[in-house]
Every structure is written in C-alpha cells, then in structure tokens.
Amino acid sequence: MPSENAFDASAPAQITITRDSPQDVQTRQIKIFLDGEEQSELLFGGAITLPVSPGRHVLRVDNTWNHKDLAVDVSPGEKLGFVAKNSAGQFSRFLLIALGAGPIYVSIEPAPTRSSR
C-alpha cells in the first residue's frame, strides 16, 4: 500500500488560463496553444482549463498581431493558473478609439493568488 506522501509521476496536472484582467482592452480574441497545438480562443471574460502531463510545456498566446511564449514546468498533481491579456499603449488606445483598430500587445503571466478571506 503506497504512502500518502508517495510521489506519483502519473498524477494529472492542470493549467488554467483566464482572460479577466481589468487592464485588458477587451477586444480581439487570444488564441491559446499548448506545445504547438491550438486549444482554444479566449474572448474577454473567458477561461480554459487544460489537463497536462507532468513535465515541461510551452504555452503560447497569440492575438494575430503578436504572440508570447511561456515555458512552464509542471509537477504531478499541480494546478497552475495564468492570466492572458491584450493591452495597448497610449497611442494604440488613441487609434482604437479613433479608428477602431490599432496595435494590441498580448501577454501571459502567472495568476495572482487569491486569498480565501
């Protein structure tokens, strides 16, 4: 009988990517890729949870204007969270307001930890 602290290299892990940042410009979809395979498109307010095997994985977020890659090491049973967002500089914001289009930059970063208070 295995100990409750035994290491199980086959335990499933999860990566959750949300798109709910208040700094997001809330326009343009973000395509989510895991290890080179497209998984989903997120609109503002969306989220996706991907089951992954333990080990190294590459997340890519792509808004068709630009993309960012993030390599992550996932431990067995680990649940990682990330936030993807589209953002614009001041000039880009002006173009978005005036023309309805402009350069929008995509990013992905670890999700802030939320306390249970």
N, C-alpha and C. Protein backbone atom coordinates (compact mmCIF):
# COMPACT_ATOMS: atom_id res chain seq x y z
N MET A 1 0.85 -1.19 0.00
CA MET A 1 0.00 0.00 0.00
C MET A 1 0.89 1.24 0.00
N PRO A 2 0.70 2.14 -0.96
CA PRO A 2 1.57 3.32 -1.04
C PRO A 2 1.30 4.31 0.08
N SER A 3 2.35 4.97 0.49
CA SER A 3 2.24 6.02 1.50
C SER A 3 1.48 7.20 0.90
N GLU A 4 0.77 7.96 1.74
CA GLU A 4 0.03 9.11 1.22
C GLU A 4 0.96 10.21 0.72
N ASN A 5 2.23 10.17 1.09
CA ASN A 5 3.21 11.14 0.61
C ASN A 5 4.03 10.60 -0.55
N ALA A 6 3.67 9.43 -1.07
CA ALA A 6 4.43 8.83 -2.16
C ALA A 6 4.34 9.71 -3.40
N PHE A 7 5.41 9.77 -4.16
CA PHE A 7 5.48 10.55 -5.39
C PHE A 7 4.84 9.74 -6.51
N ASP A 8 3.85 10.31 -7.17
CA ASP A 8 3.17 9.64 -8.28
C ASP A 8 3.40 10.46 -9.55
N ALA A 9 4.35 10.02 -10.38
CA ALA A 9 4.71 10.77 -11.59
C ALA A 9 3.60 10.76 -12.63
N SER A 10 2.58 9.93 -12.46
CA SER A 10 1.49 9.88 -13.44
C SER A 10 0.29 10.73 -13.04
N ALA A 11 0.36 11.36 -11.86
CA ALA A 11 -0.78 12.16 -11.39
C ALA A 11 -1.06 13.28 -12.38
N PRO A 12 -2.32 13.46 -12.79
CA PRO A 12 -2.63 14.52 -13.75
C PRO A 12 -2.42 15.91 -13.14
N ALA A 13 -2.12 16.84 -13.99
CA ALA A 13 -1.94 18.23 -13.57
C ALA A 13 -2.86 19.08 -14.44
N GLN A 14 -3.01 20.35 -14.06
CA GLN A 14 -3.89 21.25 -14.81
C GLN A 14 -3.24 22.61 -14.98
N ILE A 15 -3.51 23.21 -16.13
CA ILE A 15 -3.15 24.60 -16.38
C ILE A 15 -4.44 25.33 -16.73
N THR A 16 -4.74 26.39 -15.97
CA THR A 16 -5.92 27.20 -16.25
C THR A 16 -5.47 28.57 -16.71
N ILE A 17 -6.04 29.02 -17.82
CA ILE A 17 -5.74 30.34 -18.37
C ILE A 17 -7.03 31.13 -18.39
N THR A 18 -7.02 32.30 -17.74
CA THR A 18 -8.19 33.16 -17.72
C THR A 18 -7.88 34.44 -18.47
N ARG A 19 -8.93 35.10 -18.87
CA ARG A 19 -8.79 36.41 -19.53
C ARG A 19 -9.79 37.36 -18.88
N ASP A 20 -9.43 37.84 -17.71
CA ASP A 20 -10.34 38.70 -16.95
C ASP A 20 -9.63 39.88 -16.29
N SER A 21 -8.45 40.23 -16.78
CA SER A 21 -7.70 41.33 -16.19
C SER A 21 -8.40 42.67 -16.44
N PRO A 22 -8.49 43.53 -15.42
CA PRO A 22 -9.08 44.85 -15.63
C PRO A 22 -8.25 45.72 -16.58
N GLN A 23 -6.98 45.36 -16.81
CA GLN A 23 -6.14 46.12 -17.74
C GLN A 23 -6.31 45.66 -19.19
N ASP A 24 -7.09 44.61 -19.42
CA ASP A 24 -7.31 44.10 -20.78
C ASP A 24 -8.15 45.11 -21.56
N VAL A 25 -7.81 45.34 -22.83
CA VAL A 25 -8.57 46.29 -23.66
C VAL A 25 -9.89 45.68 -24.15
N GLN A 26 -10.12 44.42 -23.84
CA GLN A 26 -11.38 43.72 -24.10
C GLN A 26 -11.77 43.66 -25.57
N THR A 27 -10.79 43.64 -26.43
CA THR A 27 -11.05 43.49 -27.85
C THR A 27 -10.07 42.46 -28.41
N ARG A 28 -10.38 41.89 -29.50
CA ARG A 28 -9.55 40.92 -30.21
C ARG A 28 -9.44 39.61 -29.42
N GLN A 29 -9.62 38.51 -30.10
CA GLN A 29 -9.51 37.21 -29.45
C GLN A 29 -8.05 36.89 -29.14
N ILE A 30 -7.83 35.96 -28.21
CA ILE A 30 -6.50 35.44 -27.92
C ILE A 30 -6.54 33.94 -28.15
N LYS A 31 -5.71 33.45 -29.05
CA LYS A 31 -5.62 32.02 -29.30
C LYS A 31 -4.65 31.42 -28.28
N ILE A 32 -5.03 30.26 -27.74
CA ILE A 32 -4.23 29.57 -26.74
C ILE A 32 -3.65 28.31 -27.38
N PHE A 33 -2.34 28.15 -27.28
CA PHE A 33 -1.65 26.96 -27.78
C PHE A 33 -0.93 26.27 -26.63
N LEU A 34 -0.93 24.96 -26.64
CA LEU A 34 -0.15 24.17 -25.69
C LEU A 34 0.73 23.24 -26.49
N ASP A 35 2.03 23.38 -26.32
CA ASP A 35 3.01 22.56 -27.03
C ASP A 35 2.77 22.57 -28.54
N GLY A 36 2.44 23.75 -29.08
CA GLY A 36 2.28 23.92 -30.51
C GLY A 36 0.92 23.58 -31.07
N GLU A 37 0.00 23.08 -30.26
CA GLU A 37 -1.34 22.73 -30.73
C GLU A 37 -2.36 23.72 -30.21
N GLU A 38 -3.16 24.28 -31.13
CA GLU A 38 -4.19 25.24 -30.72
C GLU A 38 -5.23 24.54 -29.85
N GLN A 39 -5.55 25.17 -28.72
CA GLN A 39 -6.50 24.61 -27.76
C GLN A 39 -7.83 25.35 -27.73
N SER A 40 -7.76 26.68 -27.88
CA SER A 40 -8.97 27.48 -27.71
C SER A 40 -8.71 28.91 -28.16
N GLU A 41 -9.79 29.68 -28.28
CA GLU A 41 -9.72 31.12 -28.44
C GLU A 41 -10.47 31.73 -27.27
N LEU A 42 -9.84 32.66 -26.59
CA LEU A 42 -10.48 33.32 -25.45
C LEU A 42 -10.89 34.73 -25.82
N LEU A 43 -12.14 35.03 -25.53
CA LEU A 43 -12.62 36.41 -25.57
C LEU A 43 -12.55 36.92 -24.14
N PHE A 44 -12.72 38.23 -23.95
CA PHE A 44 -12.64 38.79 -22.60
C PHE A 44 -13.67 38.11 -21.70
N GLY A 45 -13.24 37.71 -20.50
CA GLY A 45 -14.11 37.04 -19.55
C GLY A 45 -14.04 35.52 -19.64
N GLY A 46 -13.35 35.00 -20.64
CA GLY A 46 -13.28 33.55 -20.84
C GLY A 46 -12.16 32.90 -20.05
N ALA A 47 -12.22 31.57 -20.00
CA ALA A 47 -11.20 30.78 -19.31
C ALA A 47 -11.17 29.38 -19.92
N ILE A 48 -10.02 28.74 -19.78
CA ILE A 48 -9.89 27.36 -20.22
C ILE A 48 -8.98 26.63 -19.23
N THR A 49 -9.34 25.39 -18.91
CA THR A 49 -8.51 24.53 -18.08
C THR A 49 -8.06 23.36 -18.94
N LEU A 50 -6.74 23.16 -18.99
CA LEU A 50 -6.16 22.11 -19.81
C LEU A 50 -5.53 21.05 -18.92
N PRO A 51 -5.91 19.78 -19.08
CA PRO A 51 -5.21 18.72 -18.36
C PRO A 51 -3.86 18.50 -19.04
N VAL A 52 -2.80 18.38 -18.27
CA VAL A 52 -1.46 18.20 -18.83
C VAL A 52 -0.72 17.12 -18.06
N SER A 53 0.21 16.51 -18.71
CA SER A 53 1.07 15.54 -18.04
C SER A 53 2.18 16.30 -17.32
N PRO A 54 2.74 15.74 -16.26
CA PRO A 54 3.86 16.40 -15.60
C PRO A 54 5.03 16.56 -16.57
N GLY A 55 5.78 17.64 -16.41
CA GLY A 55 6.93 17.89 -17.26
C GLY A 55 6.92 19.31 -17.79
N ARG A 56 7.77 19.55 -18.78
CA ARG A 56 7.90 20.89 -19.37
C ARG A 56 6.92 21.05 -20.52
N HIS A 57 6.24 22.18 -20.53
CA HIS A 57 5.27 22.52 -21.58
C HIS A 57 5.51 23.95 -22.02
N VAL A 58 5.06 24.26 -23.23
CA VAL A 58 5.16 25.63 -23.74
C VAL A 58 3.76 26.13 -24.03
N LEU A 59 3.41 27.23 -23.36
CA LEU A 59 2.14 27.92 -23.61
C LEU A 59 2.42 29.05 -24.58
N ARG A 60 1.54 29.23 -25.54
CA ARG A 60 1.64 30.37 -26.45
C ARG A 60 0.30 31.07 -26.47
N VAL A 61 0.33 32.40 -26.35
CA VAL A 61 -0.86 33.22 -26.54
C VAL A 61 -0.61 34.06 -27.78
N ASP A 62 -1.62 34.16 -28.63
CA ASP A 62 -1.46 34.82 -29.93
C ASP A 62 -2.74 35.59 -30.24
N ASN A 63 -2.63 36.90 -30.47
CA ASN A 63 -3.82 37.68 -30.81
C ASN A 63 -3.83 38.04 -32.30
N THR A 64 -3.05 37.36 -33.09
CA THR A 64 -2.85 37.54 -34.53
C THR A 64 -2.10 38.82 -34.86
N TRP A 65 -1.83 39.65 -33.88
CA TRP A 65 -0.98 40.82 -34.08
C TRP A 65 0.43 40.48 -33.60
N ASN A 66 0.51 39.84 -32.43
CA ASN A 66 1.77 39.34 -31.92
C ASN A 66 1.50 38.15 -31.00
N HIS A 67 2.56 37.50 -30.53
CA HIS A 67 2.40 36.35 -29.66
C HIS A 67 3.49 36.35 -28.59
N LYS A 68 3.23 35.60 -27.54
CA LYS A 68 4.20 35.39 -26.46
C LYS A 68 4.22 33.91 -26.12
N ASP A 69 5.42 33.39 -25.85
CA ASP A 69 5.59 32.01 -25.42
C ASP A 69 6.04 32.01 -23.96
N LEU A 70 5.60 30.99 -23.23
CA LEU A 70 5.98 30.83 -21.84
C LEU A 70 6.23 29.35 -21.59
N ALA A 71 7.45 29.01 -21.19
CA ALA A 71 7.78 27.62 -20.83
C ALA A 71 7.44 27.42 -19.36
N VAL A 72 6.75 26.34 -19.06
CA VAL A 72 6.38 26.04 -17.67
C VAL A 72 6.74 24.60 -17.34
N ASP A 73 7.21 24.41 -16.14
CA ASP A 73 7.47 23.07 -15.62
C ASP A 73 6.33 22.71 -14.69
N VAL A 74 5.68 21.59 -14.97
CA VAL A 74 4.50 21.19 -14.22
C VAL A 74 4.83 19.93 -13.41
N SER A 75 4.55 19.98 -12.12
CA SER A 75 4.75 18.82 -11.24
C SER A 75 3.49 17.97 -11.21
N PRO A 76 3.61 16.69 -10.85
CA PRO A 76 2.43 15.83 -10.77
C PRO A 76 1.38 16.42 -9.82
N GLY A 77 0.13 16.46 -10.27
CA GLY A 77 -0.98 16.96 -9.46
C GLY A 77 -1.04 18.47 -9.31
N GLU A 78 -0.11 19.19 -9.87
CA GLU A 78 -0.06 20.65 -9.73
C GLU A 78 -1.17 21.32 -10.52
N LYS A 79 -1.68 22.41 -9.99
CA LYS A 79 -2.71 23.22 -10.67
C LYS A 79 -2.16 24.63 -10.80
N LEU A 80 -1.79 24.98 -12.03
CA LEU A 80 -1.21 26.29 -12.30
C LEU A 80 -2.25 27.20 -12.93
N GLY A 81 -2.17 28.49 -12.61
CA GLY A 81 -3.08 29.47 -13.18
C GLY A 81 -2.32 30.61 -13.83
N PHE A 82 -2.83 31.06 -14.99
CA PHE A 82 -2.22 32.16 -15.72
C PHE A 82 -3.30 33.12 -16.20
N VAL A 83 -2.90 34.36 -16.41
CA VAL A 83 -3.80 35.38 -16.95
C VAL A 83 -3.24 35.85 -18.28
N ALA A 84 -4.07 35.78 -19.31
CA ALA A 84 -3.71 36.31 -20.63
C ALA A 84 -4.45 37.62 -20.82
N LYS A 85 -3.80 38.58 -21.47
CA LYS A 85 -4.49 39.85 -21.71
C LYS A 85 -3.95 40.54 -22.95
N ASN A 86 -4.81 41.34 -23.53
CA ASN A 86 -4.45 42.24 -24.62
C ASN A 86 -4.32 43.63 -24.03
N SER A 87 -3.25 44.32 -24.35
CA SER A 87 -3.07 45.68 -23.84
C SER A 87 -2.59 46.59 -24.96
N ALA A 88 -2.78 47.87 -24.72
CA ALA A 88 -2.42 48.87 -25.72
C ALA A 88 -1.74 50.04 -25.03
N GLY A 89 -0.76 50.63 -25.71
CA GLY A 89 -0.12 51.85 -25.22
C GLY A 89 -1.04 53.04 -25.46
N GLN A 90 -0.59 54.23 -25.06
CA GLN A 90 -1.42 55.43 -25.21
C GLN A 90 -1.75 55.71 -26.68
N PHE A 91 -0.76 55.61 -27.57
CA PHE A 91 -1.02 55.86 -28.98
C PHE A 91 -1.96 54.80 -29.55
N SER A 92 -1.77 53.56 -29.14
CA SER A 92 -2.65 52.48 -29.60
C SER A 92 -4.08 52.71 -29.12
N ARG A 93 -4.22 53.20 -27.89
CA ARG A 93 -5.57 53.50 -27.38
C ARG A 93 -6.24 54.57 -28.23
N PHE A 94 -5.47 55.59 -28.60
CA PHE A 94 -6.00 56.64 -29.46
C PHE A 94 -6.48 56.04 -30.78
N LEU A 95 -5.66 55.19 -31.39
CA LEU A 95 -6.05 54.56 -32.66
C LEU A 95 -7.29 53.68 -32.49
N LEU A 96 -7.36 52.97 -31.37
CA LEU A 96 -8.54 52.13 -31.12
C LEU A 96 -9.81 52.98 -31.04
N ILE A 97 -9.70 54.11 -30.37
CA ILE A 97 -10.87 55.00 -30.22
C ILE A 97 -11.20 55.68 -31.55
N ALA A 98 -10.17 56.21 -32.21
CA ALA A 98 -10.40 56.98 -33.43
C ALA A 98 -10.74 56.11 -34.64
N LEU A 99 -10.03 55.01 -34.79
CA LEU A 99 -10.19 54.19 -36.00
C LEU A 99 -10.82 52.82 -35.74
N GLY A 100 -10.90 52.43 -34.49
CA GLY A 100 -11.43 51.11 -34.17
C GLY A 100 -10.43 49.99 -34.37
N ALA A 101 -9.18 50.35 -34.65
CA ALA A 101 -8.12 49.35 -34.84
C ALA A 101 -6.78 49.97 -34.46
N GLY A 102 -5.85 49.11 -34.11
CA GLY A 102 -4.51 49.57 -33.77
C GLY A 102 -3.73 48.42 -33.17
N PRO A 103 -2.43 48.63 -32.94
CA PRO A 103 -1.61 47.55 -32.40
C PRO A 103 -2.01 47.22 -30.95
N ILE A 104 -2.24 45.95 -30.72
CA ILE A 104 -2.60 45.45 -29.40
C ILE A 104 -1.60 44.36 -29.05
N TYR A 105 -1.04 44.44 -27.87
CA TYR A 105 0.01 43.52 -27.45
C TYR A 105 -0.55 42.50 -26.47
N VAL A 106 -0.16 41.25 -26.66
CA VAL A 106 -0.66 40.15 -25.85
C VAL A 106 0.39 39.78 -24.81
N SER A 107 -0.08 39.32 -23.66
CA SER A 107 0.85 38.86 -22.62
C SER A 107 0.21 37.72 -21.85
N ILE A 108 1.07 36.96 -21.18
CA ILE A 108 0.62 35.90 -20.28
C ILE A 108 1.52 35.93 -19.06
N GLU A 109 0.91 35.84 -17.89
CA GLU A 109 1.66 35.89 -16.64
C GLU A 109 0.97 35.03 -15.60
N PRO A 110 1.69 34.62 -14.56
CA PRO A 110 1.05 33.82 -13.51
C PRO A 110 -0.13 34.57 -12.89
N ALA A 111 -1.18 33.84 -12.61
CA ALA A 111 -2.37 34.44 -11.99
C ALA A 111 -2.03 34.82 -10.55
N PRO A 112 -2.55 35.95 -10.09
CA PRO A 112 -2.32 36.30 -8.69
C PRO A 112 -3.02 35.29 -7.79
N THR A 113 -2.39 34.99 -6.69
CA THR A 113 -3.03 34.06 -5.75
C THR A 113 -4.16 34.79 -5.05
N ARG A 114 -5.25 34.09 -4.89
CA ARG A 114 -6.42 34.70 -4.24
C ARG A 114 -6.59 34.12 -2.85
N SER A 115 -6.71 35.00 -1.89
CA SER A 115 -6.90 34.51 -0.51
C SER A 115 -8.34 34.07 -0.32
N SER A 116 -8.55 33.23 0.67
CA SER A 116 -9.91 32.69 0.91
C SER A 116 -10.63 33.47 1.99
N ARG A 117 -10.24 34.71 2.23
CA ARG A 117 -10.89 35.53 3.27
C ARG A 117 -12.24 35.99 2.83
